[in-house]
């Protein structure tokens, strides 16, 4: 079994093939995002993750960037699912609302 830091081991199928995906909920984070600034989204303290699911509470569009200033971004129009190995307190991305203030909900899977 593969294990990274405080992360749970990856699960295996009956034929011992490793399932490289999150299989349990580690935490859920609510992040306030506005349309005039970029907010960092980090892995919560004390956990790590193998995957995330992110969406706004109202289902509205939002933007994601790997850059703190958001000079290059992607507009997200549906729930976003990413297989990403994140460590405790690591910034995964920056988020901004497409219009108005919103709550971004992020599910962390391990």
N, C-alpha and C. Protein backbone atom coordinates (compact mmCIF):
# COMPACT_ATOMS: atom_id res chain seq x y z
N UNK A 1 0.83 -1.18 0.00
CA UNK A 1 0.00 0.00 0.00
C UNK A 1 0.87 1.25 0.00
N UNK A 2 0.47 2.22 -0.76
CA UNK A 2 1.17 3.50 -0.83
C UNK A 2 0.62 4.41 0.26
N UNK A 3 1.49 5.15 0.94
CA UNK A 3 1.06 6.05 2.00
C UNK A 3 1.93 7.30 1.92
N UNK A 4 1.32 8.47 2.04
CA UNK A 4 2.10 9.70 2.05
C UNK A 4 1.74 10.52 3.28
N UNK A 5 2.73 10.86 4.05
CA UNK A 5 2.62 11.68 5.25
C UNK A 5 1.50 11.15 6.16
N UNK A 6 0.54 12.01 6.55
CA UNK A 6 -0.52 11.58 7.44
C UNK A 6 -1.71 11.03 6.67
N UNK A 7 -1.54 10.83 5.39
CA UNK A 7 -2.60 10.37 4.52
C UNK A 7 -2.92 8.90 4.77
N UNK A 8 -4.16 8.54 4.56
CA UNK A 8 -4.55 7.14 4.66
C UNK A 8 -3.96 6.37 3.49
N UNK A 9 -3.70 5.08 3.65
CA UNK A 9 -3.16 4.31 2.53
C UNK A 9 -4.18 4.23 1.40
N UNK A 10 -3.70 4.12 0.17
CA UNK A 10 -4.59 3.90 -0.95
C UNK A 10 -5.23 2.53 -0.80
N UNK A 11 -6.47 2.40 -1.22
CA UNK A 11 -7.15 1.11 -1.18
C UNK A 11 -6.82 0.32 -2.43
N UNK A 12 -7.01 -0.99 -2.35
CA UNK A 12 -6.74 -1.87 -3.48
C UNK A 12 -7.99 -2.65 -3.85
N UNK A 13 -8.10 -2.96 -5.14
CA UNK A 13 -9.16 -3.85 -5.58
C UNK A 13 -8.80 -5.27 -5.16
N UNK A 14 -9.72 -6.20 -5.34
CA UNK A 14 -9.47 -7.58 -4.92
C UNK A 14 -8.29 -8.21 -5.66
N UNK A 15 -7.98 -7.69 -6.85
CA UNK A 15 -6.83 -8.22 -7.61
C UNK A 15 -5.54 -7.46 -7.27
N UNK A 16 -5.55 -6.71 -6.18
CA UNK A 16 -4.44 -5.90 -5.64
C UNK A 16 -4.10 -4.67 -6.47
N UNK A 17 -4.90 -4.34 -7.47
CA UNK A 17 -4.68 -3.11 -8.22
C UNK A 17 -5.04 -1.92 -7.34
N UNK A 18 -4.10 -0.96 -7.19
CA UNK A 18 -4.29 0.19 -6.31
C UNK A 18 -5.31 1.15 -6.92
N UNK A 19 -6.25 1.61 -6.10
CA UNK A 19 -7.25 2.61 -6.51
C UNK A 19 -6.66 3.97 -6.17
N UNK A 20 -6.23 4.71 -7.18
CA UNK A 20 -5.56 6.01 -6.95
C UNK A 20 -6.59 7.13 -6.92
N UNK A 21 -7.41 7.15 -5.87
CA UNK A 21 -8.42 8.19 -5.74
C UNK A 21 -8.81 8.32 -4.28
N UNK A 22 -9.44 9.44 -3.95
CA UNK A 22 -9.92 9.63 -2.60
C UNK A 22 -11.12 8.74 -2.31
N UNK A 23 -11.14 8.11 -1.15
CA UNK A 23 -12.22 7.19 -0.82
C UNK A 23 -12.90 7.52 0.52
N UNK A 24 -12.42 8.52 1.25
CA UNK A 24 -13.08 8.91 2.49
C UNK A 24 -13.02 10.43 2.64
N UNK A 25 -14.03 11.00 3.27
CA UNK A 25 -14.08 12.45 3.49
C UNK A 25 -13.17 12.79 4.68
N UNK A 26 -12.23 13.71 4.44
CA UNK A 26 -11.33 14.17 5.51
C UNK A 26 -11.84 15.47 6.13
N UNK A 27 -12.40 16.36 5.31
CA UNK A 27 -12.89 17.63 5.84
C UNK A 27 -13.69 18.35 4.76
N UNK A 28 -14.46 19.34 5.20
CA UNK A 28 -15.20 20.22 4.29
C UNK A 28 -14.88 21.65 4.70
N UNK A 29 -14.50 22.47 3.74
CA UNK A 29 -14.09 23.84 4.01
C UNK A 29 -15.05 24.80 3.31
N UNK A 30 -15.40 25.88 3.99
CA UNK A 30 -16.20 26.95 3.39
C UNK A 30 -15.32 28.19 3.30
N UNK A 31 -15.17 28.72 2.09
CA UNK A 31 -14.30 29.86 1.85
C UNK A 31 -15.13 31.00 1.25
N UNK A 32 -15.09 32.17 1.87
CA UNK A 32 -15.78 33.34 1.32
C UNK A 32 -14.95 33.88 0.17
N UNK A 33 -15.59 34.03 -1.00
CA UNK A 33 -14.89 34.59 -2.16
C UNK A 33 -15.68 35.79 -2.69
N UNK A 34 -14.97 36.77 -3.19
CA UNK A 34 -15.57 37.98 -3.75
C UNK A 34 -15.09 38.15 -5.18
N UNK A 35 -15.70 39.10 -5.91
CA UNK A 35 -15.32 39.31 -7.31
C UNK A 35 -14.21 40.34 -7.49
N UNK A 36 -13.66 40.84 -6.36
CA UNK A 36 -12.61 41.86 -6.48
C UNK A 36 -11.26 41.43 -5.88
N UNK A 37 -11.14 40.17 -5.46
CA UNK A 37 -9.87 39.69 -4.90
C UNK A 37 -9.77 38.18 -5.06
N UNK A 38 -8.55 37.69 -4.98
CA UNK A 38 -8.29 36.25 -5.08
C UNK A 38 -8.04 35.69 -3.69
N UNK A 39 -8.75 34.63 -3.35
CA UNK A 39 -8.66 34.02 -2.03
C UNK A 39 -7.91 32.68 -2.12
N UNK A 40 -6.86 32.47 -1.30
CA UNK A 40 -6.18 31.18 -1.33
C UNK A 40 -7.08 30.09 -0.75
N UNK A 41 -7.01 28.90 -1.35
CA UNK A 41 -7.73 27.74 -0.83
C UNK A 41 -6.67 26.71 -0.46
N UNK A 42 -6.59 26.41 0.83
CA UNK A 42 -5.55 25.53 1.36
C UNK A 42 -6.15 24.27 1.97
N UNK A 43 -5.33 23.24 2.03
CA UNK A 43 -5.72 22.02 2.73
C UNK A 43 -5.80 22.36 4.22
N UNK A 44 -6.88 21.95 4.90
CA UNK A 44 -7.00 22.25 6.32
C UNK A 44 -5.84 21.70 7.14
N UNK A 45 -5.56 22.35 8.26
CA UNK A 45 -4.49 21.93 9.16
C UNK A 45 -4.74 20.51 9.67
N UNK A 46 -3.69 19.71 9.66
CA UNK A 46 -3.75 18.39 10.25
C UNK A 46 -4.22 17.26 9.34
N UNK A 47 -4.53 17.59 8.08
CA UNK A 47 -4.94 16.53 7.16
C UNK A 47 -4.16 16.65 5.86
N UNK A 48 -4.28 15.66 5.02
CA UNK A 48 -3.80 15.73 3.64
C UNK A 48 -4.95 15.22 2.78
N UNK A 49 -4.80 15.31 1.48
CA UNK A 49 -5.89 14.85 0.62
C UNK A 49 -5.34 14.23 -0.66
N UNK A 50 -6.19 13.44 -1.29
CA UNK A 50 -5.86 12.84 -2.57
C UNK A 50 -6.73 13.42 -3.69
N UNK A 51 -7.85 14.03 -3.30
CA UNK A 51 -8.78 14.59 -4.29
C UNK A 51 -9.63 15.66 -3.60
N UNK A 52 -10.19 16.56 -4.43
CA UNK A 52 -11.11 17.57 -3.90
C UNK A 52 -12.31 17.69 -4.84
N UNK A 53 -13.39 18.20 -4.28
CA UNK A 53 -14.57 18.59 -5.03
C UNK A 53 -14.91 20.00 -4.57
N UNK A 54 -15.06 20.94 -5.49
CA UNK A 54 -15.32 22.34 -5.13
C UNK A 54 -16.49 22.88 -5.94
N UNK A 55 -17.35 23.64 -5.27
CA UNK A 55 -18.48 24.29 -5.93
C UNK A 55 -18.92 25.48 -5.07
N UNK A 56 -19.62 26.42 -5.67
CA UNK A 56 -20.18 27.50 -4.86
C UNK A 56 -21.50 27.02 -4.28
N UNK A 57 -21.84 27.55 -3.13
CA UNK A 57 -23.06 27.13 -2.44
C UNK A 57 -24.30 27.37 -3.30
N UNK A 58 -24.31 28.46 -4.08
CA UNK A 58 -25.47 28.76 -4.91
C UNK A 58 -25.36 28.18 -6.33
N UNK A 59 -24.28 27.45 -6.60
CA UNK A 59 -24.12 26.85 -7.93
C UNK A 59 -23.65 27.83 -8.99
N UNK A 60 -23.27 29.03 -8.57
CA UNK A 60 -22.84 30.06 -9.52
C UNK A 60 -21.41 29.86 -10.01
N UNK A 61 -21.08 30.57 -11.09
CA UNK A 61 -19.74 30.51 -11.66
C UNK A 61 -18.70 31.09 -10.70
N UNK A 62 -17.49 30.58 -10.79
CA UNK A 62 -16.36 31.10 -10.04
C UNK A 62 -15.10 30.88 -10.85
N UNK A 63 -14.01 31.49 -10.44
CA UNK A 63 -12.75 31.39 -11.17
C UNK A 63 -11.71 30.70 -10.32
N UNK A 64 -10.82 29.94 -10.98
CA UNK A 64 -9.73 29.25 -10.31
C UNK A 64 -8.42 29.63 -11.01
N UNK A 65 -7.38 29.86 -10.22
CA UNK A 65 -6.07 30.21 -10.76
C UNK A 65 -4.98 29.57 -9.92
N UNK A 66 -3.87 29.31 -10.55
CA UNK A 66 -2.69 28.83 -9.82
C UNK A 66 -1.80 30.01 -9.42
N UNK A 67 -2.17 31.21 -9.83
CA UNK A 67 -1.39 32.42 -9.57
C UNK A 67 -2.09 33.29 -8.54
N UNK A 68 -1.34 33.83 -7.59
CA UNK A 68 -1.91 34.65 -6.53
C UNK A 68 -2.65 35.87 -7.08
N UNK A 69 -2.17 36.45 -8.18
CA UNK A 69 -2.81 37.62 -8.79
C UNK A 69 -3.91 37.23 -9.77
N UNK A 70 -4.05 35.92 -10.07
CA UNK A 70 -5.11 35.46 -10.97
C UNK A 70 -4.98 35.94 -12.40
N UNK A 71 -3.77 36.25 -12.84
CA UNK A 71 -3.60 36.77 -14.19
C UNK A 71 -3.98 35.76 -15.27
N UNK A 72 -3.94 34.49 -14.95
CA UNK A 72 -4.46 33.44 -15.84
C UNK A 72 -5.40 32.59 -15.00
N UNK A 73 -6.62 32.40 -15.48
CA UNK A 73 -7.60 31.66 -14.69
C UNK A 73 -8.55 30.89 -15.61
N UNK A 74 -9.31 30.01 -14.98
CA UNK A 74 -10.35 29.23 -15.66
C UNK A 74 -11.66 29.55 -14.96
N UNK A 75 -12.71 29.85 -15.73
CA UNK A 75 -14.03 30.05 -15.15
C UNK A 75 -14.70 28.68 -15.00
N UNK A 76 -15.10 28.38 -13.77
CA UNK A 76 -15.71 27.09 -13.45
C UNK A 76 -17.22 27.26 -13.43
N UNK A 77 -17.92 26.46 -14.25
CA UNK A 77 -19.37 26.60 -14.38
C UNK A 77 -20.14 25.41 -13.81
N UNK A 78 -19.42 24.44 -13.25
CA UNK A 78 -20.03 23.24 -12.66
C UNK A 78 -19.12 22.79 -11.51
N UNK A 79 -19.59 21.87 -10.67
CA UNK A 79 -18.68 21.38 -9.63
C UNK A 79 -17.36 20.91 -10.23
N UNK A 80 -16.28 21.24 -9.55
CA UNK A 80 -14.93 20.92 -10.02
C UNK A 80 -14.37 19.78 -9.18
N UNK A 81 -13.96 18.71 -9.82
CA UNK A 81 -13.35 17.57 -9.15
C UNK A 81 -11.93 17.42 -9.67
N UNK A 82 -10.97 17.37 -8.73
CA UNK A 82 -9.56 17.25 -9.11
C UNK A 82 -8.90 16.19 -8.24
N UNK A 83 -8.20 15.27 -8.88
CA UNK A 83 -7.32 14.36 -8.15
C UNK A 83 -6.04 15.13 -7.89
N UNK A 84 -5.81 15.48 -6.63
CA UNK A 84 -4.65 16.29 -6.29
C UNK A 84 -4.15 15.85 -4.92
N UNK A 85 -2.87 15.61 -4.81
CA UNK A 85 -2.27 15.21 -3.54
C UNK A 85 -1.83 16.46 -2.80
N UNK A 86 -2.61 16.87 -1.81
CA UNK A 86 -2.30 18.08 -1.07
C UNK A 86 -1.91 17.78 0.36
N UNK A 87 -0.92 18.50 0.85
CA UNK A 87 -0.45 18.35 2.23
C UNK A 87 -1.08 19.39 3.13
N UNK A 88 -1.07 19.15 4.42
CA UNK A 88 -1.63 20.05 5.41
C UNK A 88 -1.15 21.48 5.20
N UNK A 89 -2.09 22.42 5.13
CA UNK A 89 -1.85 23.86 4.99
C UNK A 89 -1.27 24.28 3.64
N UNK A 90 -1.16 23.36 2.69
CA UNK A 90 -0.65 23.70 1.36
C UNK A 90 -1.73 24.45 0.57
N UNK A 91 -1.34 25.56 -0.06
CA UNK A 91 -2.27 26.28 -0.93
C UNK A 91 -2.43 25.48 -2.21
N UNK A 92 -3.67 25.08 -2.51
CA UNK A 92 -3.94 24.30 -3.72
C UNK A 92 -4.20 25.20 -4.92
N UNK A 93 -4.94 26.30 -4.69
CA UNK A 93 -5.28 27.22 -5.77
C UNK A 93 -5.83 28.50 -5.16
N UNK A 94 -6.12 29.47 -6.03
CA UNK A 94 -6.73 30.73 -5.64
C UNK A 94 -8.10 30.80 -6.31
N UNK A 95 -9.08 31.35 -5.59
CA UNK A 95 -10.45 31.39 -6.10
C UNK A 95 -11.00 32.81 -6.04
N UNK A 96 -11.88 33.10 -7.01
CA UNK A 96 -12.55 34.40 -7.06
C UNK A 96 -13.97 34.18 -7.58
N UNK A 97 -14.92 34.93 -7.07
CA UNK A 97 -16.29 34.86 -7.57
C UNK A 97 -16.37 35.53 -8.94
N UNK A 98 -17.25 35.05 -9.79
CA UNK A 98 -17.47 35.71 -11.08
C UNK A 98 -18.30 36.97 -10.91
N UNK A 99 -19.18 36.99 -9.89
CA UNK A 99 -19.94 38.21 -9.59
C UNK A 99 -20.47 38.13 -8.16
N UNK A 100 -20.27 39.21 -7.43
CA UNK A 100 -20.76 39.28 -6.05
C UNK A 100 -19.97 38.42 -5.08
N UNK A 101 -20.49 38.33 -3.87
CA UNK A 101 -19.87 37.51 -2.84
C UNK A 101 -20.51 36.13 -2.83
N UNK A 102 -19.69 35.10 -2.69
CA UNK A 102 -20.17 33.73 -2.69
C UNK A 102 -19.43 32.93 -1.63
N UNK A 103 -19.95 31.75 -1.33
CA UNK A 103 -19.27 30.80 -0.48
C UNK A 103 -18.84 29.63 -1.34
N UNK A 104 -17.53 29.38 -1.35
CA UNK A 104 -16.98 28.23 -2.06
C UNK A 104 -16.90 27.08 -1.06
N UNK A 105 -17.49 25.95 -1.41
CA UNK A 105 -17.46 24.78 -0.56
C UNK A 105 -16.49 23.77 -1.16
N UNK A 106 -15.54 23.30 -0.35
CA UNK A 106 -14.50 22.39 -0.83
C UNK A 106 -14.53 21.12 0.02
N UNK A 107 -14.70 19.99 -0.64
CA UNK A 107 -14.71 18.68 0.01
C UNK A 107 -13.35 18.05 -0.20
N UNK A 108 -12.69 17.64 0.88
CA UNK A 108 -11.37 17.02 0.80
C UNK A 108 -11.49 15.52 1.00
N UNK A 109 -11.00 14.75 0.03
CA UNK A 109 -11.09 13.29 0.07
C UNK A 109 -9.71 12.68 0.22
N UNK A 110 -9.64 11.58 0.94
CA UNK A 110 -8.39 10.88 1.13
C UNK A 110 -8.59 9.39 0.86
